Amino acid sequence: MKPYTKRYTLLILTAFVMSLLSSCKDYFDLNSNPNLISNPPLASSLSTTTQKTGLNSQRVANITSYFVQYLASPGTASPTDTYQSTDYTGTWDYVYFGMADLYDMKKNAQEQGASEYVGVADVMLAYHLTLIADMFGDAPFSDAFTGTTLTPKYDTGQTLYSTALTLLNEGITELAKTDSKLKLSAPNDLIHKGSTAAWTKTAYMLKARMLTKVSKQGTYKAADVLDAVSKSYASNADDAQMATFQLRNPWAQIARDNANLLLDGWLSAQLINQLNGTTYGVFDPRIEKITDKTVNNDYKGTVNGQGNVGAANTIKDENYISLNSPLTGDASPLLIATYAELKFIEAEAAFRAGDKTRAYTAYLAGIQANMDKYGVAAAARDAYLANPVVAVGATALTIDLIFKEKYVATYLNPEAWNDARRYDYQYKGFKLPANAALPTFIRRAAYPSGEISKNGINVPTEATLSEPLWWDKK
């Protein structure tokens, strides 16, 4: 156990260990242990936290991608596929350990007058906080890292949203300072290579994302979204991504496990049918950059909840995550936030503001940016952009088209589930999984068993998984 993660580890220690403690404060006073580093160098903390940010994004996406039907289980009535209450203790703990590291990095940076590190910590803290709040709703934060309690109280989802926005604004302020006593270490920054300008753009990207998320609420303001967009990414080169792994990209590990018959990461019929021309009547060349053809030389997805229906689910007769994809290869980066997504955020905000010309321009730019990110050949890209199904013109642009294209651009990103809920799952052809345990689409995840066993006194009364979070209510 690392000393700089000690604050939230108070929450997840076993009851047995707690029963042995005569003084929690003394037991957890790890600074007296000569074998542990009580104040790690900021550069080292930067490596740890930037890597964990990428990995935690993927861990959450490996859950939510089933909810939005990017992924499907090859087995019938899989719990994640069919909206059964599933235990996500591991993911919850990983995200909170990430926040504990960030909390300590920020505290150490403040003590050293290293405003650049404070700003980066704020941005990543905000991101981690939204990962938890958008999955579960209410969660511990204000009371979680003080080191004074084993059972931190829960903040409401609205409070967590406000806190994350405040962290982003404070991060932007810190990153703008010119008197930082310690500059970001480029080799240790695994996301933006020490560029405060890049981190500032990412802060504004995350802010635009958050301001968009409340589109069902009266607090939504398209002008505020567009203001954040104008200060964020200008090209794919600005994307927030992480590509440093102990062995390989975790999506690639899933693909390799599949080849070894440890089945996971099969692609949903919803995604495949959108891309192969079945749903919209136009072939999307991005499919060739996402997956490989089946043994039958076609593209075929797995129906969520139904499972593989071929002769056997080991003969590659349905599509799954590919090692040949620029998104899921061994050395592929984990995408946290992208320019392509930002353009769709702009398109939606401009559309809601009544500026269809700007919305249409951003819509087309988002498609092109995503295709370029995937490495689609220019000829195939341009043919798709010129197809009448896509090139509808500004006056015929609809919110449905914007969400349709954004769905592809956010492939394997946890933000896609936020969009699906805001859009009420109205994607063409989107159906409840076979054997679904709910009568309607999933809106939240169940609190993990590990949290209930350690902090049950504060865990909110469990809502049904079809109960919308606060920002998802009209």
Protein backbone atom coordinates (compact mmCIF):
# COMPACT_ATOMS: atom_id res chain seq x y z
CA MET A 1 0.00 0.00 0.00
CA LYS A 2 1.47 3.32 -1.06
CA PRO A 3 1.46 6.02 1.58
CA TYR A 4 0.09 8.63 -0.75
CA THR A 5 -3.04 6.51 -1.28
CA LYS A 6 -3.65 6.09 2.43
CA ARG A 7 -6.60 8.49 2.70
CA TYR A 8 -9.08 6.51 0.72
CA THR A 9 -7.66 3.16 1.72
CA LEU A 10 -9.25 3.86 5.07
CA LEU A 11 -12.54 3.18 3.36
CA ILE A 12 -11.64 -0.16 1.81
CA LEU A 13 -9.67 -1.93 4.55
CA THR A 14 -11.23 -5.13 5.82
CA ALA A 15 -13.37 -5.20 8.92
CA PHE A 16 -10.94 -7.65 10.45
CA VAL A 17 -8.07 -5.23 10.24
CA MET A 18 -10.23 -2.46 11.62
CA SER A 19 -11.07 -4.58 14.62
CA LEU A 20 -7.39 -4.78 15.49
CA LEU A 21 -6.83 -1.07 15.51
CA SER A 22 -6.72 0.67 18.86
CA SER A 23 -6.02 3.99 17.17
CA CYS A 24 -6.81 4.52 13.48
CA LYS A 25 -4.79 7.70 13.46
CA ASP A 26 -1.69 6.02 14.84
CA TYR A 27 -2.03 2.92 12.69
CA PHE A 28 -2.30 4.96 9.52
CA ASP A 29 0.48 7.36 10.41
CA LEU A 30 2.59 5.85 7.65
CA ASN A 31 5.04 8.73 7.63
CA SER A 32 6.88 6.98 10.48
CA ASN A 33 7.59 3.91 8.36
CA PRO A 34 11.16 4.26 7.02
CA ASN A 35 10.43 1.76 4.24
CA LEU A 36 7.76 3.95 2.64
CA ILE A 37 8.14 7.19 0.73
CA SER A 38 5.88 9.67 2.48
CA ASN A 39 6.33 12.52 0.04
CA PRO A 40 6.99 11.20 -3.47
CA PRO A 41 8.58 13.61 -5.98
CA LEU A 42 5.98 15.46 -8.01
CA ALA A 43 7.41 14.12 -11.25
CA SER A 44 6.93 10.57 -10.01
CA SER A 45 3.37 11.38 -8.94
CA LEU A 46 2.72 12.83 -12.39
CA SER A 47 3.70 9.54 -14.04
CA THR A 48 1.48 7.58 -11.69
CA THR A 49 -1.57 9.81 -12.01
CA THR A 50 -1.47 10.35 -15.76
CA GLN A 51 -1.18 6.62 -16.35
CA LYS A 52 -3.98 5.85 -13.91
CA THR A 53 -6.20 8.42 -15.61
CA GLY A 54 -5.90 6.59 -18.92
CA LEU A 55 -6.32 3.17 -17.35
CA ASN A 56 -9.32 4.20 -15.25
CA SER A 57 -11.01 5.64 -18.31
CA GLN A 58 -10.64 2.24 -19.96
CA ARG A 59 -11.82 0.35 -16.88
CA VAL A 60 -15.03 2.35 -16.77
CA ALA A 61 -15.48 2.05 -20.53
CA ASN A 62 -15.17 -1.72 -20.28
CA ILE A 63 -18.39 -1.58 -18.25
CA THR A 64 -20.35 1.15 -20.00
CA SER A 65 -19.55 -0.10 -23.51
CA TYR A 66 -22.00 -2.95 -22.90
CA PHE A 67 -24.70 -0.48 -21.87
CA VAL A 68 -24.37 1.46 -25.14
CA GLN A 69 -23.98 -1.73 -27.17
CA TYR A 70 -20.48 -1.26 -28.47
CA LEU A 71 -19.67 -4.58 -26.83
CA ALA A 72 -21.76 -7.71 -26.28
CA SER A 73 -21.16 -10.95 -24.46
CA PRO A 74 -20.87 -14.12 -26.58
CA GLY A 75 -22.78 -15.92 -23.80
CA THR A 76 -26.56 -15.84 -23.43
CA ALA A 77 -28.03 -13.58 -20.72
CA SER A 78 -24.69 -12.22 -19.52
CA PRO A 79 -25.22 -10.05 -16.38
CA THR A 80 -23.58 -6.94 -17.86
CA ASP A 81 -25.43 -7.37 -21.15
CA THR A 82 -28.81 -7.79 -19.55
CA TYR A 83 -28.80 -5.06 -16.89
CA GLN A 84 -28.47 -7.35 -13.89
CA SER A 85 -27.05 -5.86 -10.72
CA THR A 86 -23.31 -6.39 -11.14
CA ASP A 87 -20.49 -5.86 -8.67
CA TYR A 88 -18.01 -3.21 -9.83
CA THR A 89 -15.95 -3.04 -6.63
CA GLY A 90 -12.67 -3.31 -8.53
CA THR A 91 -13.41 -0.36 -10.82
CA TRP A 92 -14.74 1.75 -7.93
CA ASP A 93 -11.55 1.10 -5.95
CA TYR A 94 -9.25 1.84 -8.90
CA VAL A 95 -10.91 5.19 -9.50
CA TYR A 96 -10.74 6.14 -5.83
CA PHE A 97 -7.10 5.12 -5.57
CA GLY A 98 -6.49 7.35 -8.58
CA MET A 99 -8.23 10.23 -6.82
CA ALA A 100 -6.20 9.59 -3.65
CA ASP A 101 -2.97 9.87 -5.64
CA LEU A 102 -4.20 13.06 -7.25
CA TYR A 103 -5.31 14.53 -3.93
CA ASP A 104 -1.84 13.98 -2.52
CA MET A 105 -0.08 15.25 -5.63
CA LYS A 106 -2.14 18.43 -5.43
CA LYS A 107 -1.43 18.88 -1.72
CA ASN A 108 2.32 18.37 -2.23
CA ALA A 109 2.31 20.74 -5.20
CA GLN A 110 0.54 23.43 -3.20
CA GLU A 111 3.11 23.12 -0.44
CA GLN A 112 5.92 23.50 -3.00
CA GLY A 113 4.34 26.35 -4.92
CA ALA A 114 4.16 24.19 -8.05
CA SER A 115 1.04 25.67 -9.62
CA GLU A 116 1.41 23.71 -12.85
CA TYR A 117 1.12 20.44 -10.94
CA VAL A 118 -1.81 21.81 -8.94
CA GLY A 119 -3.62 22.66 -12.16
CA VAL A 120 -3.02 19.26 -13.73
CA ALA A 121 -4.16 17.52 -10.53
CA ASP A 122 -7.36 19.57 -10.54
CA VAL A 123 -8.14 18.59 -14.13
CA MET A 124 -7.58 14.88 -13.52
CA LEU A 125 -9.46 14.98 -10.20
CA ALA A 126 -12.45 16.48 -11.99
CA TYR A 127 -12.31 13.74 -14.60
CA HIS A 128 -12.10 10.93 -12.03
CA LEU A 129 -14.95 12.45 -10.07
CA THR A 130 -17.20 12.45 -13.13
CA LEU A 131 -16.33 8.81 -13.85
CA ILE A 132 -17.74 7.84 -10.46
CA ALA A 133 -20.67 10.26 -10.36
CA ASP A 134 -21.87 9.40 -13.87
CA MET A 135 -21.93 5.68 -13.05
CA PHE A 136 -23.33 5.67 -9.54
CA GLY A 137 -24.77 9.10 -8.71
CA ASP A 138 -24.07 10.18 -5.12
CA ALA A 139 -20.57 9.27 -3.90
CA PRO A 140 -17.92 10.21 -1.30
CA PHE A 141 -15.59 13.07 -2.11
CA SER A 142 -15.54 16.03 0.28
CA ASP A 143 -15.09 13.68 3.25
CA ALA A 144 -13.13 10.92 1.50
CA PHE A 145 -9.52 12.10 1.60
CA THR A 146 -9.21 13.87 4.94
CA GLY A 147 -7.76 10.85 6.73
CA THR A 148 -10.16 11.31 9.63
CA THR A 149 -12.84 8.70 8.98
CA LEU A 150 -13.25 5.13 7.81
CA THR A 151 -16.78 5.88 6.63
CA PRO A 152 -16.84 9.08 4.56
CA LYS A 153 -20.19 10.68 3.95
CA TYR A 154 -21.71 10.87 0.48
CA ASP A 155 -22.05 14.03 -1.57
CA THR A 156 -25.06 14.34 -3.85
CA GLY A 157 -24.66 13.94 -7.58
CA GLN A 158 -25.42 17.63 -8.07
CA THR A 159 -22.73 18.55 -5.55
CA LEU A 160 -20.20 16.30 -7.27
CA TYR A 161 -21.04 17.94 -10.60
CA SER A 162 -20.51 21.40 -9.14
CA THR A 163 -17.30 20.26 -7.45
CA ALA A 164 -15.91 18.88 -10.71
CA LEU A 165 -16.72 22.11 -12.55
CA THR A 166 -15.04 24.10 -9.79
CA LEU A 167 -11.96 21.88 -10.02
CA LEU A 168 -11.77 22.49 -13.78
CA ASN A 169 -12.07 26.25 -13.35
CA GLU A 170 -9.46 26.25 -10.60
CA GLY A 171 -7.21 24.07 -12.72
CA ILE A 172 -7.46 26.53 -15.59
CA THR A 173 -6.49 29.35 -13.22
CA GLU A 174 -3.51 27.42 -11.83
CA LEU A 175 -2.28 26.45 -15.29
CA ALA A 176 -2.36 30.10 -16.37
CA LYS A 177 0.04 31.17 -13.62
CA THR A 178 3.59 31.98 -14.72
CA ASP A 179 5.36 31.68 -11.38
CA SER A 180 5.24 27.93 -10.79
CA LYS A 181 8.22 26.91 -8.67
CA LEU A 182 8.42 23.61 -10.56
CA LYS A 183 7.65 23.03 -14.20
CA LEU A 184 5.78 19.95 -15.39
CA SER A 185 8.15 17.13 -16.23
CA ALA A 186 7.59 16.26 -19.88
CA PRO A 187 8.90 12.67 -19.63
CA ASN A 188 6.62 12.00 -16.66
CA ASP A 189 3.49 13.50 -18.19
CA LEU A 190 2.06 10.51 -20.04
CA ILE A 191 -0.88 12.47 -21.47
CA HIS A 192 0.35 15.90 -22.62
CA LYS A 193 4.15 15.71 -22.31
CA GLY A 194 4.42 18.63 -19.91
CA SER A 195 2.45 21.17 -21.96
CA THR A 196 0.35 23.47 -19.78
CA ALA A 197 -1.32 24.81 -22.91
CA ALA A 198 -2.45 21.29 -23.80
CA TRP A 199 -3.74 20.66 -20.29
CA THR A 200 -5.68 23.93 -20.43
CA LYS A 201 -7.32 22.82 -23.67
CA THR A 202 -8.25 19.52 -22.07
CA ALA A 203 -9.74 21.34 -19.08
CA TYR A 204 -11.96 23.33 -21.44
CA MET A 205 -12.84 20.14 -23.35
CA LEU A 206 -13.94 18.44 -20.13
CA LYS A 207 -15.84 21.59 -19.18
CA ALA A 208 -17.66 21.61 -22.53
CA ARG A 209 -18.49 17.95 -21.94
CA MET A 210 -19.92 18.67 -18.50
CA LEU A 211 -21.92 21.67 -19.64
CA THR A 212 -23.39 19.50 -22.40
CA LYS A 213 -24.34 16.74 -19.99
CA VAL A 214 -27.10 18.88 -18.44
CA SER A 215 -28.91 19.27 -21.77
CA LYS A 216 -32.14 18.05 -20.15
CA GLN A 217 -31.91 20.66 -17.40
CA GLY A 218 -32.89 24.29 -17.37
CA THR A 219 -29.28 25.14 -16.50
CA TYR A 220 -28.07 24.10 -19.95
CA LYS A 221 -26.67 27.05 -21.87
CA ALA A 222 -25.46 26.51 -25.41
CA ALA A 223 -23.48 29.75 -25.31
CA ASP A 224 -21.44 28.51 -22.34
CA VAL A 225 -20.71 25.25 -24.13
CA LEU A 226 -19.57 27.09 -27.25
CA ASP A 227 -17.36 29.39 -25.17
CA ALA A 228 -15.57 26.36 -23.69
CA VAL A 229 -15.31 24.80 -27.15
CA SER A 230 -13.62 27.92 -28.51
CA LYS A 231 -10.83 27.58 -25.93
CA SER A 232 -10.25 23.88 -26.41
CA TYR A 233 -8.85 21.55 -29.08
CA ALA A 234 -8.02 22.73 -32.59
CA SER A 235 -7.03 19.39 -34.17
CA ASN A 236 -6.47 15.70 -33.48
CA ALA A 237 -2.98 16.59 -32.28
CA ASP A 238 -4.53 18.08 -29.14
CA ASP A 239 -6.28 14.89 -28.02
CA ALA A 240 -5.88 13.73 -24.42
CA GLN A 241 -4.59 10.17 -24.64
CA MET A 242 -2.29 7.81 -22.76
CA ALA A 243 -0.15 5.09 -24.34
CA THR A 244 2.29 3.89 -21.68
CA PHE A 245 1.56 0.37 -20.43
CA GLN A 246 3.31 -2.23 -18.35
CA LEU A 247 2.73 -4.69 -21.17
CA ARG A 248 0.11 -3.54 -23.69
CA ASN A 249 -3.09 -1.59 -24.21
CA PRO A 250 -5.79 -3.33 -22.07
CA TRP A 251 -8.16 -3.50 -25.05
CA ALA A 252 -5.43 -5.38 -26.91
CA GLN A 253 -5.15 -7.76 -23.96
CA ILE A 254 -8.86 -8.48 -24.34
CA ALA A 255 -8.31 -9.23 -28.02
CA ARG A 256 -5.42 -11.55 -27.19
CA ASP A 257 -7.47 -13.25 -24.51
CA ASN A 258 -10.18 -13.84 -27.09
CA ALA A 259 -7.68 -15.57 -29.35
CA ASN A 260 -6.86 -17.82 -26.39
CA LEU A 261 -10.56 -18.58 -25.91
CA LEU A 262 -10.99 -16.36 -22.84
CA LEU A 263 -13.99 -14.75 -24.46
CA ASP A 264 -14.69 -11.03 -24.03
CA GLY A 265 -14.87 -7.91 -26.15
CA TRP A 266 -17.25 -9.11 -28.84
CA LEU A 267 -18.82 -6.28 -30.82
CA SER A 268 -22.53 -5.59 -30.60
CA ALA A 269 -24.88 -5.97 -33.53
CA GLN A 270 -26.01 -2.38 -32.83
CA LEU A 271 -22.56 -0.98 -33.60
CA ILE A 272 -21.78 -3.35 -36.47
CA ASN A 273 -25.14 -2.80 -38.19
CA GLN A 274 -24.68 0.96 -38.03
CA LEU A 275 -21.28 0.64 -39.68
CA ASN A 276 -21.86 -2.14 -42.23
CA GLY A 277 -24.75 -0.39 -43.96
CA THR A 278 -27.61 -2.43 -42.48
CA THR A 279 -29.11 0.36 -40.39
CA TYR A 280 -28.51 3.46 -42.50
CA GLY A 281 -27.88 2.09 -45.97
CA VAL A 282 -24.33 3.43 -46.20
CA PHE A 283 -21.11 1.53 -45.56
CA ASP A 284 -18.91 3.29 -43.02
CA PRO A 285 -15.20 2.66 -43.75
CA ARG A 286 -14.38 3.07 -40.07
CA ILE A 287 -15.58 -0.50 -39.57
CA GLU A 288 -12.40 -1.68 -41.28
CA LYS A 289 -10.37 0.20 -38.67
CA ILE A 290 -12.38 -1.14 -35.74
CA THR A 291 -12.62 -4.85 -36.44
CA ASP A 292 -11.66 -7.65 -38.85
CA LYS A 293 -14.00 -9.55 -41.14
CA THR A 294 -15.42 -12.81 -39.88
CA VAL A 295 -14.56 -16.25 -41.26
CA ASN A 296 -17.53 -15.68 -43.57
CA ASN A 297 -15.89 -12.54 -45.03
CA ASP A 298 -18.49 -10.20 -43.62
CA TYR A 299 -19.20 -7.96 -40.65
CA LYS A 300 -21.62 -9.40 -38.14
CA GLY A 301 -22.24 -8.32 -34.55
CA THR A 302 -23.51 -10.16 -31.50
CA VAL A 303 -26.98 -9.32 -30.18
CA ASN A 304 -26.72 -8.13 -26.58
CA GLY A 305 -28.19 -10.70 -24.22
CA GLN A 306 -28.58 -13.30 -26.94
CA GLY A 307 -24.96 -14.31 -27.30
CA ASN A 308 -23.21 -15.85 -30.26
CA VAL A 309 -25.58 -17.84 -32.45
CA GLY A 310 -23.07 -19.49 -34.76
CA ALA A 311 -21.92 -23.09 -34.69
CA ALA A 312 -19.48 -22.21 -31.93
CA ASN A 313 -18.34 -18.97 -30.38
CA THR A 314 -14.69 -19.76 -31.06
CA ILE A 315 -14.67 -19.77 -34.87
CA LYS A 316 -14.73 -16.01 -35.45
CA ASP A 317 -18.14 -15.97 -37.13
CA GLU A 318 -18.98 -12.70 -35.36
CA ASN A 319 -16.85 -9.59 -34.89
CA TYR A 320 -14.82 -8.60 -31.88
CA ILE A 321 -12.12 -6.16 -30.78
CA SER A 322 -9.18 -6.28 -33.16
CA LEU A 323 -5.45 -6.08 -32.61
CA ASN A 324 -5.28 -4.51 -36.07
CA SER A 325 -7.24 -1.43 -35.01
CA PRO A 326 -5.42 1.83 -34.24
CA LEU A 327 -7.64 2.06 -31.17
CA THR A 328 -7.09 -1.42 -29.74
CA GLY A 329 -3.66 -2.59 -30.84
CA ASP A 330 -0.88 -3.43 -28.41
CA ALA A 331 0.58 0.10 -28.46
CA SER A 332 -2.60 2.02 -29.26
CA PRO A 333 -3.32 5.01 -27.00
CA LEU A 334 -6.28 5.08 -24.64
CA LEU A 335 -8.40 8.02 -25.74
CA ILE A 336 -9.65 10.18 -22.87
CA ALA A 337 -11.01 13.14 -24.84
CA THR A 338 -10.70 13.95 -28.53
CA TYR A 339 -11.05 16.77 -31.03
CA ALA A 340 -13.63 14.71 -32.92
CA GLU A 341 -15.84 14.49 -29.85
CA LEU A 342 -15.40 18.21 -29.25
CA LYS A 343 -16.70 18.99 -32.75
CA PHE A 344 -19.86 17.00 -32.04
CA ILE A 345 -20.27 18.86 -28.76
CA GLU A 346 -20.00 22.07 -30.80
CA ALA A 347 -22.45 20.75 -33.39
CA GLU A 348 -25.04 19.95 -30.73
CA ALA A 349 -24.65 23.28 -28.94
CA ALA A 350 -24.83 25.27 -32.16
CA PHE A 351 -27.87 23.27 -33.24
CA ARG A 352 -29.64 23.94 -29.94
CA ALA A 353 -28.71 27.62 -30.26
CA GLY A 354 -30.36 27.75 -33.69
CA ASP A 355 -27.14 28.15 -35.72
CA LYS A 356 -27.53 25.26 -38.15
CA THR A 357 -24.75 26.49 -40.42
CA ARG A 358 -22.18 26.27 -37.63
CA ALA A 359 -23.69 23.02 -36.42
CA TYR A 360 -23.40 21.41 -39.86
CA THR A 361 -19.82 22.55 -40.33
CA ALA A 362 -18.86 21.12 -36.94
CA TYR A 363 -20.77 17.89 -37.67
CA LEU A 364 -18.80 17.29 -40.86
CA ALA A 365 -15.53 18.27 -39.16
CA GLY A 366 -16.21 15.77 -36.39
CA ILE A 367 -16.70 12.94 -38.88
CA GLN A 368 -13.55 13.86 -40.79
CA ALA A 369 -11.47 14.19 -37.63
CA ASN A 370 -12.64 10.80 -36.38
CA MET A 371 -11.92 9.13 -39.71
CA ASP A 372 -8.47 10.69 -39.78
CA LYS A 373 -7.88 9.46 -36.22
CA TYR A 374 -8.78 5.95 -37.33
CA GLY A 375 -6.52 6.22 -40.37
CA VAL A 376 -9.27 5.87 -42.96
CA ALA A 377 -7.99 6.46 -46.49
CA ALA A 378 -8.82 9.93 -47.83
CA ALA A 379 -10.81 8.58 -50.78
CA ALA A 380 -13.01 6.40 -48.59
CA ARG A 381 -13.40 9.22 -46.07
CA ASP A 382 -14.44 11.74 -48.68
CA ALA A 383 -16.86 9.31 -50.32
CA TYR A 384 -18.59 8.76 -46.99
CA LEU A 385 -18.75 12.50 -46.30
CA ALA A 386 -20.29 13.05 -49.74
CA ASN A 387 -22.92 10.32 -49.38
CA PRO A 388 -26.45 11.84 -49.32
CA VAL A 389 -27.21 10.00 -46.08
CA VAL A 390 -24.40 11.97 -44.44
CA ALA A 391 -24.15 15.15 -46.53
CA VAL A 392 -27.69 16.35 -45.86
CA GLY A 393 -26.92 20.08 -45.87
CA ALA A 394 -27.30 22.54 -43.04
CA THR A 395 -31.06 23.00 -43.30
CA ALA A 396 -31.74 19.24 -43.11
CA LEU A 397 -29.36 18.56 -40.23
CA THR A 398 -31.04 16.94 -37.22
CA ILE A 399 -30.01 16.22 -33.66
CA ASP A 400 -30.39 12.55 -34.56
CA LEU A 401 -27.65 12.77 -37.17
CA ILE A 402 -25.33 14.48 -34.70
CA PHE A 403 -25.87 11.77 -32.09
CA LYS A 404 -25.59 9.05 -34.74
CA GLU A 405 -22.13 10.18 -35.81
CA LYS A 406 -20.97 10.97 -32.29
CA TYR A 407 -21.84 7.39 -31.33
CA VAL A 408 -19.13 6.14 -33.67
CA ALA A 409 -16.64 8.83 -32.67
CA THR A 410 -16.88 7.90 -28.98
CA TYR A 411 -16.39 4.17 -29.53
CA LEU A 412 -15.05 2.61 -26.30
CA ASN A 413 -15.20 5.90 -24.40
CA PRO A 414 -17.20 6.09 -21.14
CA GLU A 415 -18.72 9.41 -22.26
CA ALA A 416 -20.85 7.48 -24.75
CA TRP A 417 -23.12 6.24 -21.96
CA ASN A 418 -23.79 9.80 -20.84
CA ASP A 419 -24.81 10.63 -24.40
CA ALA A 420 -27.03 7.56 -24.68
CA ARG A 421 -28.91 8.53 -21.54
CA ARG A 422 -29.25 12.17 -22.58
CA TYR A 423 -30.55 10.96 -25.94
CA ASP A 424 -32.86 8.43 -24.26
CA TYR A 425 -31.25 5.64 -26.28
CA GLN A 426 -33.04 6.83 -29.42
CA TYR A 427 -30.37 5.54 -31.81
CA LYS A 428 -31.94 3.92 -34.84
CA GLY A 429 -32.40 0.20 -34.30
CA PHE A 430 -31.42 0.36 -30.62
CA LYS A 431 -33.33 -2.30 -28.70
CA LEU A 432 -33.37 -3.69 -25.20
CA PRO A 433 -30.98 -6.62 -24.82
CA ALA A 434 -32.51 -10.07 -25.15
CA ASN A 435 -33.36 -11.45 -21.71
CA ALA A 436 -33.11 -7.96 -20.19
CA ALA A 437 -33.62 -7.82 -16.43
CA LEU A 438 -35.20 -4.35 -16.70
CA PRO A 439 -38.25 -3.23 -18.65
CA THR A 440 -36.33 -0.22 -19.96
CA PHE A 441 -32.76 0.88 -20.64
CA ILE A 442 -30.19 1.04 -17.84
CA ARG A 443 -29.58 4.45 -16.27
CA ARG A 444 -27.15 3.81 -13.41
CA ALA A 445 -24.85 1.16 -11.92
CA ALA A 446 -25.43 -0.52 -8.57
CA TYR A 447 -23.19 0.48 -5.68
CA PRO A 448 -20.40 -2.09 -5.37
CA SER A 449 -20.49 -4.73 -2.66
CA GLY A 450 -17.09 -3.69 -1.34
CA GLU A 451 -18.37 -0.19 -0.68
CA ILE A 452 -21.55 -1.46 0.94
CA SER A 453 -19.61 -3.76 3.27
CA LYS A 454 -17.13 -1.05 4.34
CA ASN A 455 -19.26 2.07 4.26
CA GLY A 456 -22.82 0.77 4.29
CA ILE A 457 -23.89 3.32 6.86
CA ASN A 458 -23.53 6.04 4.22
CA VAL A 459 -24.39 4.23 1.00
CA PRO A 460 -27.71 5.60 -0.30
CA THR A 461 -30.78 3.41 -0.45
CA GLU A 462 -30.38 1.46 -3.67
CA ALA A 463 -32.44 2.74 -6.58
CA THR A 464 -33.45 0.52 -9.47
CA LEU A 465 -30.96 0.52 -12.31
CA SER A 466 -33.59 2.14 -14.51
CA GLU A 467 -33.85 5.20 -12.22
CA PRO A 468 -32.23 8.20 -13.96
CA LEU A 469 -29.47 10.22 -12.33
CA TRP A 470 -30.31 13.84 -11.57
CA TRP A 471 -28.97 15.25 -14.86
CA ASP A 472 -30.81 12.53 -16.82
CA LYS A 473 -34.24 13.63 -15.60
CA LYS A 474 -36.40 15.95 -17.65
